[in-house]
Amino acid sequence: MKKAFITGITGQDGSYLAEFLLKKNYQVFGLTRRTSTSNHDRIKDIVDDITLVSGDLLDQHSISHAIKEAQPDEVYNLAAQSFVPTSWSQPVLTGEFTALGVTRVLEALRIAKPDAKFYQASSSEMFGKVRMTPQTEETPFYPRSPYGVAKVYGHWITVNYRESFDMFAVSGILFNHESERRGLEFVTRKITHGVA
């Protein structure tokens, strides 16, 4: 049975990915941070079918421990401080979590499970001030927020680890996508929630 490790499992994309992988008979591990309130609403229907591992992208030791414990075949890094306005009010935290958090996961994999496949969720926010439409893999990055800058770092450190350590490490550039699981702090979700 293949094992998958998902950061951001309690988010919109992480919860859908966990459900998809369970249907493909994966053993699914999810990284969860300790918070003052439970945020498991999006995974409530599968929480008994997955293994939640405590950890934080801000803490190298907890990430390394989680990777050693899970011994995953695949790692999906979907966690981020992903709200652009918050990246302006908390730019250092955004950089630590969204940029350096990627390095922490890659470093834990390099040491404990270098044969695992790694997927980094990159963002269209890396393009920022759009210079060409549509964007492709060749479109230059021009981020316009601390979040976009942090995502560029995460994208390039993934390339760096792939090329420097011969790891299977790839990025997928995600554009806005909606579902009932997207947070209400996002304007598009506010609109769709209001219409519904």
N, C-alpha and C. Protein backbone atom coordinates (compact mmCIF):
# COMPACT_ATOMS: atom_id res chain seq x y z
N MET A 1 0.85 -1.18 0.00
CA MET A 1 0.00 0.00 0.00
C MET A 1 0.89 1.24 0.00
N LYS A 2 0.64 2.15 -0.94
CA LYS A 2 1.40 3.39 -0.99
C LYS A 2 1.00 4.30 0.17
N LYS A 3 1.97 5.09 0.63
CA LYS A 3 1.73 6.03 1.72
C LYS A 3 1.94 7.45 1.22
N ALA A 4 0.97 8.31 1.53
CA ALA A 4 1.05 9.73 1.16
C ALA A 4 1.04 10.57 2.42
N PHE A 5 1.81 11.64 2.39
CA PHE A 5 1.90 12.59 3.50
C PHE A 5 1.48 13.95 2.97
N ILE A 6 0.47 14.56 3.60
CA ILE A 6 -0.09 15.82 3.11
C ILE A 6 0.07 16.90 4.17
N THR A 7 0.77 17.99 3.83
CA THR A 7 0.71 19.18 4.67
C THR A 7 -0.46 20.00 4.16
N GLY A 8 -1.15 20.67 5.06
CA GLY A 8 -2.34 21.40 4.64
C GLY A 8 -3.54 20.49 4.44
N ILE A 9 -3.56 19.36 5.11
CA ILE A 9 -4.64 18.38 4.92
C ILE A 9 -6.00 18.93 5.36
N THR A 10 -6.01 19.90 6.27
CA THR A 10 -7.28 20.45 6.73
C THR A 10 -7.78 21.59 5.85
N GLY A 11 -7.05 21.93 4.81
CA GLY A 11 -7.45 22.99 3.89
C GLY A 11 -8.31 22.47 2.76
N GLN A 12 -8.70 23.38 1.89
CA GLN A 12 -9.55 23.03 0.75
C GLN A 12 -8.91 21.93 -0.10
N ASP A 13 -7.72 22.15 -0.59
CA ASP A 13 -7.09 21.20 -1.49
C ASP A 13 -6.64 19.94 -0.78
N GLY A 14 -6.09 20.09 0.42
CA GLY A 14 -5.61 18.94 1.17
C GLY A 14 -6.71 17.95 1.50
N SER A 15 -7.88 18.47 1.86
CA SER A 15 -8.99 17.57 2.21
C SER A 15 -9.49 16.81 0.98
N TYR A 16 -9.59 17.50 -0.16
CA TYR A 16 -10.00 16.81 -1.39
C TYR A 16 -8.95 15.78 -1.82
N LEU A 17 -7.68 16.14 -1.72
CA LEU A 17 -6.61 15.21 -2.10
C LEU A 17 -6.64 13.97 -1.21
N ALA A 18 -6.82 14.17 0.09
CA ALA A 18 -6.88 13.03 1.01
C ALA A 18 -8.01 12.07 0.62
N GLU A 19 -9.18 12.61 0.32
CA GLU A 19 -10.31 11.77 -0.09
C GLU A 19 -9.98 11.01 -1.37
N PHE A 20 -9.37 11.70 -2.33
CA PHE A 20 -8.99 11.07 -3.60
C PHE A 20 -8.00 9.92 -3.39
N LEU A 21 -6.97 10.17 -2.57
CA LEU A 21 -5.95 9.15 -2.34
C LEU A 21 -6.51 7.96 -1.56
N LEU A 22 -7.41 8.20 -0.62
CA LEU A 22 -8.04 7.09 0.10
C LEU A 22 -8.80 6.19 -0.87
N LYS A 23 -9.47 6.79 -1.85
CA LYS A 23 -10.21 6.00 -2.84
C LYS A 23 -9.25 5.17 -3.71
N LYS A 24 -8.01 5.61 -3.80
CA LYS A 24 -6.99 4.87 -4.56
C LYS A 24 -6.22 3.91 -3.65
N ASN A 25 -6.75 3.70 -2.45
CA ASN A 25 -6.19 2.75 -1.47
C ASN A 25 -4.83 3.15 -0.92
N TYR A 26 -4.58 4.44 -0.81
CA TYR A 26 -3.38 4.92 -0.14
C TYR A 26 -3.59 4.93 1.36
N GLN A 27 -2.50 4.79 2.10
CA GLN A 27 -2.51 5.11 3.52
C GLN A 27 -2.14 6.59 3.59
N VAL A 28 -2.99 7.41 4.20
CA VAL A 28 -2.83 8.86 4.18
C VAL A 28 -2.45 9.38 5.56
N PHE A 29 -1.36 10.15 5.58
CA PHE A 29 -0.92 10.86 6.77
C PHE A 29 -1.11 12.35 6.52
N GLY A 30 -1.51 13.06 7.55
CA GLY A 30 -1.68 14.51 7.41
C GLY A 30 -1.01 15.24 8.55
N LEU A 31 -0.29 16.29 8.22
CA LEU A 31 0.37 17.13 9.23
C LEU A 31 -0.64 18.13 9.77
N THR A 32 -0.77 18.19 11.08
CA THR A 32 -1.66 19.16 11.70
C THR A 32 -0.93 19.92 12.79
N ARG A 33 -1.19 21.22 12.83
CA ARG A 33 -0.63 22.09 13.87
C ARG A 33 -1.55 22.09 15.07
N ARG A 34 -0.97 22.28 16.22
CA ARG A 34 -1.79 22.47 17.41
C ARG A 34 -2.35 23.88 17.35
N THR A 35 -3.66 23.98 17.48
CA THR A 35 -4.32 25.29 17.50
C THR A 35 -5.27 25.34 18.69
N SER A 36 -5.70 26.52 19.03
CA SER A 36 -6.60 26.66 20.18
C SER A 36 -7.99 26.13 19.89
N THR A 37 -8.36 26.06 18.62
CA THR A 37 -9.65 25.49 18.24
C THR A 37 -9.42 24.46 17.14
N SER A 38 -10.24 23.43 17.14
CA SER A 38 -10.12 22.38 16.13
C SER A 38 -10.49 22.94 14.76
N ASN A 39 -9.73 22.54 13.75
CA ASN A 39 -10.03 22.98 12.38
C ASN A 39 -10.17 21.76 11.46
N HIS A 40 -10.85 20.75 11.96
CA HIS A 40 -10.98 19.50 11.21
C HIS A 40 -12.31 19.38 10.47
N ASP A 41 -13.03 20.48 10.28
CA ASP A 41 -14.33 20.43 9.61
C ASP A 41 -14.24 19.82 8.22
N ARG A 42 -13.20 20.15 7.47
CA ARG A 42 -13.10 19.69 6.09
C ARG A 42 -12.73 18.21 5.99
N ILE A 43 -12.20 17.63 7.06
CA ILE A 43 -11.80 16.22 7.03
C ILE A 43 -12.65 15.37 7.98
N LYS A 44 -13.74 15.92 8.49
CA LYS A 44 -14.53 15.19 9.49
C LYS A 44 -15.04 13.85 8.98
N ASP A 45 -15.31 13.74 7.69
CA ASP A 45 -15.84 12.48 7.14
C ASP A 45 -14.76 11.42 6.92
N ILE A 46 -13.49 11.81 6.98
CA ILE A 46 -12.41 10.84 6.74
C ILE A 46 -11.43 10.74 7.90
N VAL A 47 -11.67 11.49 8.97
CA VAL A 47 -10.68 11.57 10.04
C VAL A 47 -10.35 10.20 10.64
N ASP A 48 -11.29 9.27 10.61
CA ASP A 48 -11.03 7.92 11.13
C ASP A 48 -10.25 7.06 10.16
N ASP A 49 -10.11 7.51 8.92
CA ASP A 49 -9.42 6.73 7.88
C ASP A 49 -8.01 7.23 7.60
N ILE A 50 -7.61 8.31 8.24
CA ILE A 50 -6.28 8.89 8.02
C ILE A 50 -5.52 8.93 9.34
N THR A 51 -4.23 9.15 9.23
CA THR A 51 -3.39 9.29 10.42
C THR A 51 -2.91 10.73 10.49
N LEU A 52 -3.31 11.43 11.54
CA LEU A 52 -2.87 12.81 11.73
C LEU A 52 -1.61 12.82 12.57
N VAL A 53 -0.62 13.57 12.10
CA VAL A 53 0.67 13.67 12.77
C VAL A 53 0.87 15.12 13.17
N SER A 54 1.19 15.34 14.43
CA SER A 54 1.38 16.70 14.92
C SER A 54 2.71 17.26 14.42
N GLY A 55 2.68 18.50 13.97
CA GLY A 55 3.90 19.15 13.50
C GLY A 55 3.59 20.54 13.00
N ASP A 56 4.64 21.26 12.64
CA ASP A 56 4.49 22.64 12.22
C ASP A 56 5.59 22.96 11.21
N LEU A 57 5.22 23.60 10.10
CA LEU A 57 6.22 23.97 9.10
C LEU A 57 7.22 24.99 9.62
N LEU A 58 6.96 25.57 10.78
CA LEU A 58 7.90 26.50 11.40
C LEU A 58 8.96 25.78 12.23
N ASP A 59 8.82 24.48 12.40
CA ASP A 59 9.69 23.72 13.30
C ASP A 59 10.32 22.53 12.59
N GLN A 60 11.61 22.62 12.31
CA GLN A 60 12.31 21.57 11.57
C GLN A 60 12.22 20.22 12.28
N HIS A 61 12.38 20.21 13.60
CA HIS A 61 12.37 18.94 14.33
C HIS A 61 11.04 18.21 14.15
N SER A 62 9.93 18.94 14.26
CA SER A 62 8.63 18.27 14.14
C SER A 62 8.39 17.75 12.72
N ILE A 63 8.86 18.48 11.73
CA ILE A 63 8.72 18.02 10.34
C ILE A 63 9.56 16.76 10.12
N SER A 64 10.79 16.79 10.58
CA SER A 64 11.67 15.62 10.43
C SER A 64 11.09 14.41 11.13
N HIS A 65 10.58 14.61 12.34
CA HIS A 65 9.98 13.51 13.10
C HIS A 65 8.76 12.95 12.36
N ALA A 66 7.93 13.82 11.82
CA ALA A 66 6.72 13.38 11.10
C ALA A 66 7.08 12.57 9.86
N ILE A 67 8.08 13.01 9.11
CA ILE A 67 8.51 12.28 7.91
C ILE A 67 9.09 10.92 8.30
N LYS A 68 9.92 10.89 9.35
CA LYS A 68 10.49 9.61 9.81
C LYS A 68 9.39 8.65 10.25
N GLU A 69 8.37 9.19 10.93
CA GLU A 69 7.27 8.36 11.41
C GLU A 69 6.43 7.81 10.26
N ALA A 70 6.09 8.65 9.30
CA ALA A 70 5.21 8.24 8.21
C ALA A 70 5.92 7.41 7.14
N GLN A 71 7.19 7.70 6.87
CA GLN A 71 7.94 7.04 5.80
C GLN A 71 7.12 7.02 4.49
N PRO A 72 6.73 8.21 4.02
CA PRO A 72 5.82 8.27 2.86
C PRO A 72 6.51 7.97 1.53
N ASP A 73 5.71 7.49 0.60
CA ASP A 73 6.17 7.34 -0.78
C ASP A 73 6.00 8.64 -1.54
N GLU A 74 5.00 9.42 -1.14
CA GLU A 74 4.69 10.69 -1.79
C GLU A 74 4.39 11.75 -0.73
N VAL A 75 4.87 12.97 -0.97
CA VAL A 75 4.61 14.09 -0.07
C VAL A 75 4.01 15.22 -0.89
N TYR A 76 2.89 15.75 -0.40
CA TYR A 76 2.20 16.86 -1.05
C TYR A 76 2.23 18.04 -0.10
N ASN A 77 3.00 19.08 -0.45
CA ASN A 77 3.09 20.26 0.41
C ASN A 77 2.06 21.29 -0.05
N LEU A 78 0.91 21.26 0.60
CA LEU A 78 -0.18 22.17 0.27
C LEU A 78 -0.36 23.25 1.32
N ALA A 79 0.39 23.17 2.40
CA ALA A 79 0.24 24.14 3.50
C ALA A 79 0.91 25.46 3.13
N ALA A 80 0.26 26.55 3.54
CA ALA A 80 0.81 27.89 3.32
C ALA A 80 -0.03 28.89 4.10
N GLN A 81 0.56 30.01 4.38
CA GLN A 81 -0.23 31.17 4.81
C GLN A 81 -0.67 31.79 3.49
N SER A 82 -1.89 31.48 3.08
CA SER A 82 -2.28 31.72 1.68
C SER A 82 -3.17 32.94 1.46
N PHE A 83 -3.42 33.73 2.47
CA PHE A 83 -4.29 34.89 2.30
C PHE A 83 -3.41 36.11 2.04
N VAL A 84 -3.47 36.63 0.81
CA VAL A 84 -2.57 37.71 0.38
C VAL A 84 -2.61 38.92 1.31
N PRO A 85 -3.79 39.43 1.73
CA PRO A 85 -3.77 40.59 2.65
C PRO A 85 -3.02 40.31 3.95
N THR A 86 -3.12 39.09 4.47
CA THR A 86 -2.38 38.75 5.69
C THR A 86 -0.88 38.75 5.43
N SER A 87 -0.47 38.44 4.21
CA SER A 87 0.96 38.45 3.91
C SER A 87 1.55 39.85 4.02
N TRP A 88 0.71 40.87 3.87
CA TRP A 88 1.18 42.25 4.05
C TRP A 88 1.26 42.61 5.53
N SER A 89 0.32 42.14 6.34
CA SER A 89 0.35 42.47 7.77
C SER A 89 1.29 41.55 8.54
N GLN A 90 1.60 40.37 7.98
CA GLN A 90 2.51 39.42 8.63
C GLN A 90 3.51 38.87 7.61
N PRO A 91 4.36 39.73 7.05
CA PRO A 91 5.26 39.28 6.00
C PRO A 91 6.33 38.29 6.48
N VAL A 92 6.83 38.47 7.69
CA VAL A 92 7.87 37.56 8.19
C VAL A 92 7.29 36.17 8.42
N LEU A 93 6.13 36.10 9.05
CA LEU A 93 5.47 34.81 9.26
C LEU A 93 5.16 34.14 7.92
N THR A 94 4.69 34.91 6.96
CA THR A 94 4.40 34.36 5.63
C THR A 94 5.65 33.77 5.01
N GLY A 95 6.77 34.48 5.11
CA GLY A 95 8.03 33.96 4.58
C GLY A 95 8.50 32.71 5.30
N GLU A 96 8.42 32.73 6.62
CA GLU A 96 8.84 31.56 7.41
C GLU A 96 8.01 30.33 7.05
N PHE A 97 6.71 30.52 6.97
CA PHE A 97 5.81 29.39 6.77
C PHE A 97 5.75 28.95 5.31
N THR A 98 5.50 29.90 4.42
CA THR A 98 5.23 29.59 3.02
C THR A 98 6.50 29.38 2.21
N ALA A 99 7.59 30.02 2.58
CA ALA A 99 8.86 29.85 1.86
C ALA A 99 9.76 28.84 2.58
N LEU A 100 10.21 29.19 3.77
CA LEU A 100 11.15 28.32 4.47
C LEU A 100 10.52 27.00 4.89
N GLY A 101 9.20 26.97 5.06
CA GLY A 101 8.53 25.71 5.36
C GLY A 101 8.77 24.67 4.27
N VAL A 102 8.84 25.10 3.03
CA VAL A 102 9.14 24.20 1.91
C VAL A 102 10.53 23.61 2.09
N THR A 103 11.49 24.44 2.43
CA THR A 103 12.86 23.97 2.65
C THR A 103 12.90 22.96 3.78
N ARG A 104 12.16 23.22 4.85
CA ARG A 104 12.16 22.29 5.98
C ARG A 104 11.63 20.92 5.58
N VAL A 105 10.57 20.89 4.78
CA VAL A 105 10.03 19.61 4.32
C VAL A 105 11.04 18.91 3.40
N LEU A 106 11.60 19.64 2.46
CA LEU A 106 12.58 19.05 1.54
C LEU A 106 13.80 18.53 2.28
N GLU A 107 14.26 19.27 3.26
CA GLU A 107 15.44 18.85 4.02
C GLU A 107 15.13 17.59 4.83
N ALA A 108 13.94 17.53 5.43
CA ALA A 108 13.53 16.33 6.16
C ALA A 108 13.48 15.13 5.22
N LEU A 109 12.96 15.33 4.02
CA LEU A 109 12.93 14.25 3.03
C LEU A 109 14.33 13.85 2.59
N ARG A 110 15.17 14.82 2.34
CA ARG A 110 16.54 14.52 1.89
C ARG A 110 17.25 13.62 2.88
N ILE A 111 17.02 13.85 4.16
CA ILE A 111 17.71 13.09 5.20
C ILE A 111 17.00 11.76 5.50
N ALA A 112 15.67 11.79 5.63
CA ALA A 112 14.95 10.61 6.13
C ALA A 112 14.30 9.75 5.05
N LYS A 113 13.96 10.34 3.90
CA LYS A 113 13.23 9.58 2.87
C LYS A 113 13.49 10.17 1.49
N PRO A 114 14.77 10.14 1.04
CA PRO A 114 15.13 10.82 -0.21
C PRO A 114 14.50 10.21 -1.46
N ASP A 115 13.97 9.00 -1.37
CA ASP A 115 13.33 8.39 -2.54
C ASP A 115 11.85 8.74 -2.66
N ALA A 116 11.31 9.50 -1.71
CA ALA A 116 9.90 9.91 -1.79
C ALA A 116 9.71 10.93 -2.91
N LYS A 117 8.54 10.93 -3.50
CA LYS A 117 8.19 11.93 -4.51
C LYS A 117 7.58 13.13 -3.79
N PHE A 118 8.02 14.33 -4.18
CA PHE A 118 7.59 15.56 -3.52
C PHE A 118 6.86 16.46 -4.51
N TYR A 119 5.70 16.97 -4.09
CA TYR A 119 4.93 17.92 -4.89
C TYR A 119 4.76 19.21 -4.09
N GLN A 120 5.16 20.33 -4.69
CA GLN A 120 5.01 21.65 -4.09
C GLN A 120 3.88 22.39 -4.79
N ALA A 121 2.91 22.85 -4.00
CA ALA A 121 1.81 23.65 -4.56
C ALA A 121 2.29 25.09 -4.73
N SER A 122 2.66 25.42 -5.96
CA SER A 122 3.04 26.80 -6.29
C SER A 122 1.77 27.58 -6.62
N SER A 123 1.91 28.86 -6.92
CA SER A 123 0.74 29.72 -7.07
C SER A 123 0.88 30.69 -8.24
N SER A 124 -0.24 31.00 -8.86
CA SER A 124 -0.24 32.02 -9.92
C SER A 124 0.16 33.38 -9.38
N GLU A 125 0.11 33.56 -8.06
CA GLU A 125 0.57 34.82 -7.45
C GLU A 125 2.06 35.06 -7.71
N MET A 126 2.78 34.03 -8.11
CA MET A 126 4.20 34.20 -8.46
C MET A 126 4.34 35.08 -9.70
N PHE A 127 3.37 35.03 -10.59
CA PHE A 127 3.41 35.86 -11.79
C PHE A 127 3.13 37.31 -11.48
N GLY A 128 2.27 37.56 -10.48
CA GLY A 128 1.99 38.91 -10.02
C GLY A 128 1.54 39.84 -11.13
N LYS A 129 2.39 40.79 -11.45
CA LYS A 129 2.10 41.76 -12.51
C LYS A 129 2.24 41.03 -13.85
N VAL A 130 1.12 40.61 -14.38
CA VAL A 130 1.12 39.76 -15.57
C VAL A 130 1.69 40.51 -16.76
N ARG A 131 2.68 39.90 -17.40
CA ARG A 131 3.32 40.50 -18.56
C ARG A 131 2.88 39.83 -19.86
N MET A 132 2.31 38.63 -19.74
CA MET A 132 1.82 37.93 -20.93
C MET A 132 0.66 37.03 -20.54
N THR A 133 -0.24 36.84 -21.49
CA THR A 133 -1.39 35.97 -21.27
C THR A 133 -1.50 35.01 -22.44
N PRO A 134 -1.72 33.75 -22.21
CA PRO A 134 -1.74 33.11 -20.90
C PRO A 134 -0.33 32.90 -20.36
N GLN A 135 -0.23 32.60 -19.08
CA GLN A 135 1.07 32.31 -18.49
C GLN A 135 1.45 30.85 -18.81
N THR A 136 2.74 30.63 -18.97
CA THR A 136 3.28 29.28 -19.19
C THR A 136 4.45 29.08 -18.24
N GLU A 137 5.09 27.93 -18.35
CA GLU A 137 6.28 27.66 -17.54
C GLU A 137 7.42 28.62 -17.86
N GLU A 138 7.35 29.27 -19.01
CA GLU A 138 8.39 30.21 -19.43
C GLU A 138 8.10 31.65 -19.02
N THR A 139 6.92 31.94 -18.51
CA THR A 139 6.55 33.30 -18.11
C THR A 139 7.39 33.72 -16.91
N PRO A 140 8.03 34.90 -16.98
CA PRO A 140 8.85 35.35 -15.84
C PRO A 140 7.97 35.65 -14.62
N PHE A 141 8.54 35.40 -13.45
CA PHE A 141 7.86 35.72 -12.20
C PHE A 141 8.04 37.20 -11.87
N TYR A 142 6.99 37.82 -11.37
CA TYR A 142 7.02 39.22 -10.96
C TYR A 142 6.03 39.37 -9.81
N PRO A 143 6.32 38.73 -8.66
CA PRO A 143 5.36 38.73 -7.56
C PRO A 143 5.12 40.12 -7.00
N ARG A 144 3.88 40.37 -6.56
CA ARG A 144 3.50 41.69 -6.08
C ARG A 144 3.03 41.69 -4.63
N SER A 145 3.35 40.64 -3.88
CA SER A 145 2.99 40.57 -2.47
C SER A 145 3.99 39.67 -1.75
N PRO A 146 4.10 39.79 -0.43
CA PRO A 146 4.97 38.87 0.31
C PRO A 146 4.58 37.41 0.08
N TYR A 147 3.29 37.13 -0.07
CA TYR A 147 2.86 35.77 -0.36
C TYR A 147 3.42 35.29 -1.69
N GLY A 148 3.31 36.12 -2.73
CA GLY A 148 3.85 35.76 -4.04
C GLY A 148 5.35 35.53 -4.01
N VAL A 149 6.06 36.40 -3.28
CA VAL A 149 7.51 36.25 -3.14
C VAL A 149 7.84 34.94 -2.44
N ALA A 150 7.11 34.63 -1.37
CA ALA A 150 7.35 33.39 -0.63
C ALA A 150 7.10 32.17 -1.52
N LYS A 151 6.08 32.24 -2.35
CA LYS A 151 5.79 31.13 -3.26
C LYS A 151 6.88 30.97 -4.32
N VAL A 152 7.46 32.09 -4.79
CA VAL A 152 8.59 31.99 -5.73
C VAL A 152 9.75 31.27 -5.07
N TYR A 153 10.05 31.63 -3.83
CA TYR A 153 11.12 30.93 -3.10
C TYR A 153 10.82 29.43 -3.03
N GLY A 154 9.59 29.07 -2.62
CA GLY A 154 9.23 27.67 -2.51
C GLY A 154 9.37 26.94 -3.84
N HIS A 155 8.99 27.62 -4.92
CA HIS A 155 9.10 27.04 -6.26
C HIS A 155 10.57 26.76 -6.61
N TRP A 156 11.44 27.75 -6.40
CA TRP A 156 12.84 27.61 -6.79
C TRP A 156 13.63 26.70 -5.87
N ILE A 157 13.28 26.64 -4.57
CA ILE A 157 14.01 25.72 -3.69
C ILE A 157 13.65 24.28 -4.05
N THR A 158 12.44 24.08 -4.57
CA THR A 158 12.05 22.75 -5.04
C THR A 158 12.90 22.36 -6.25
N VAL A 159 13.06 23.27 -7.18
CA VAL A 159 13.93 23.03 -8.34
C VAL A 159 15.36 22.75 -7.86
N ASN A 160 15.84 23.56 -6.91
CA ASN A 160 17.20 23.41 -6.41
C ASN A 160 17.44 22.04 -5.79
N TYR A 161 16.52 21.58 -4.96
CA TYR A 161 16.68 20.25 -4.35
C TYR A 161 16.61 19.15 -5.40
N ARG A 162 15.76 19.30 -6.39
CA ARG A 162 15.68 18.31 -7.46
C ARG A 162 17.02 18.21 -8.18
N GLU A 163 17.58 19.35 -8.54
CA GLU A 163 18.81 19.35 -9.32
C GLU A 163 20.05 19.06 -8.48
N SER A 164 20.07 19.50 -7.24
CA SER A 164 21.26 19.33 -6.40
C SER A 164 21.35 17.94 -5.77
N PHE A 165 20.19 17.36 -5.44
CA PHE A 165 20.20 16.09 -4.71
C PHE A 165 19.53 14.96 -5.47
N ASP A 166 19.21 15.19 -6.74
CA ASP A 166 18.59 14.18 -7.59
C ASP A 166 17.32 13.60 -6.95
N MET A 167 16.53 14.49 -6.35
CA MET A 167 15.27 14.09 -5.73
C MET A 167 14.13 14.26 -6.74
N PHE A 168 13.08 13.47 -6.56
CA PHE A 168 11.87 13.67 -7.35
C PHE A 168 11.10 14.78 -6.65
N ALA A 169 11.26 16.00 -7.13
CA ALA A 169 10.65 17.18 -6.51
C ALA A 169 10.10 18.07 -7.62
N VAL A 170 8.79 18.26 -7.62
CA VAL A 170 8.13 19.03 -8.68
C VAL A 170 7.18 20.05 -8.08
N SER A 171 6.85 21.06 -8.88
CA SER A 171 5.88 22.07 -8.49
C SER A 171 4.74 22.08 -9.50
N GLY A 172 3.56 22.36 -9.02
CA GLY A 172 2.41 22.61 -9.88
C GLY A 172 1.92 24.02 -9.59
N ILE A 173 1.77 24.83 -10.62
CA ILE A 173 1.34 26.22 -10.42
C ILE A 173 -0.19 26.26 -10.44
N LEU A 174 -0.76 26.52 -9.27
CA LEU A 174 -2.21 26.54 -9.12
C LEU A 174 -2.75 27.95 -9.28
N PHE A 175 -3.86 28.07 -9.99
CA PHE A 175 -4.59 29.32 -10.12
C PHE A 175 -5.81 29.25 -9.20
N ASN A 176 -6.50 30.38 -9.02
CA ASN A 176 -7.68 30.37 -8.15
C ASN A 176 -8.63 29.26 -8.55
N HIS A 177 -9.12 28.56 -7.56
CA HIS A 177 -10.13 27.53 -7.78
C HIS A 177 -11.05 27.53 -6.58
N GLU A 178 -12.31 27.32 -6.85
CA GLU A 178 -13.35 27.48 -5.83
C GLU A 178 -13.99 26.15 -5.47
N SER A 179 -14.45 26.09 -4.25
CA SER A 179 -15.29 24.98 -3.79
C SER A 179 -15.96 25.44 -2.51
N GLU A 180 -16.88 24.63 -2.03
CA GLU A 180 -17.55 24.97 -0.77
C GLU A 180 -16.58 24.90 0.40
N ARG A 181 -15.41 24.31 0.20
CA ARG A 181 -14.42 24.20 1.27
C ARG A 181 -13.44 25.36 1.33
N ARG A 182 -13.50 26.26 0.37
CA ARG A 182 -12.59 27.41 0.40
C ARG A 182 -13.02 28.35 1.52
N GLY A 183 -12.06 28.95 2.19
CA GLY A 183 -12.35 29.83 3.31
C GLY A 183 -13.17 31.05 2.92
N LEU A 184 -14.04 31.48 3.82
CA LEU A 184 -14.90 32.64 3.55
C LEU A 184 -14.14 33.96 3.55
N GLU A 185 -12.86 33.96 3.94
CA GLU A 185 -12.09 35.21 3.90
C GLU A 185 -11.73 35.61 2.47
N PHE A 186 -11.83 34.68 1.52
CA PHE A 186 -11.52 34.97 0.12
C PHE A 186 -12.73 35.60 -0.55
N VAL A 187 -12.52 36.68 -1.31
CA VAL A 187 -13.63 37.45 -1.88
C VAL A 187 -14.51 36.61 -2.80
N THR A 188 -13.89 35.74 -3.61
CA THR A 188 -14.70 34.92 -4.51
C THR A 188 -15.59 33.97 -3.73
N ARG A 189 -15.10 33.48 -2.62
CA ARG A 189 -15.90 32.58 -1.78
C ARG A 189 -17.03 33.36 -1.10
N LYS A 190 -16.75 34.60 -0.70
CA LYS A 190 -17.81 35.43 -0.12
C LYS A 190 -18.95 35.62 -1.12
N ILE A 191 -18.58 35.86 -2.38
CA ILE A 191 -19.59 36.08 -3.42
C ILE A 191 -20.40 34.81 -3.65
N THR A 192 -19.71 33.67 -3.82
CA THR A 192 -20.45 32.43 -4.08
C THR A 192 -21.28 32.02 -2.88
N HIS A 193 -20.79 32.27 -1.68
CA HIS A 193 -21.55 31.96 -0.47
C HIS A 193 -22.80 32.84 -0.38
N GLY A 194 -22.64 34.12 -0.74
CA GLY A 194 -23.77 35.04 -0.72
C GLY A 194 -24.84 34.69 -1.73
N VAL A 195 -24.42 34.24 -2.91
CA VAL A 195 -25.36 33.86 -3.95
C VAL A 195 -26.11 32.59 -3.56
N ALA A 196 -25.39 31.66 -2.96
CA ALA A 196 -26.00 30.38 -2.57
C ALA A 196 -26.95 30.61 -1.42
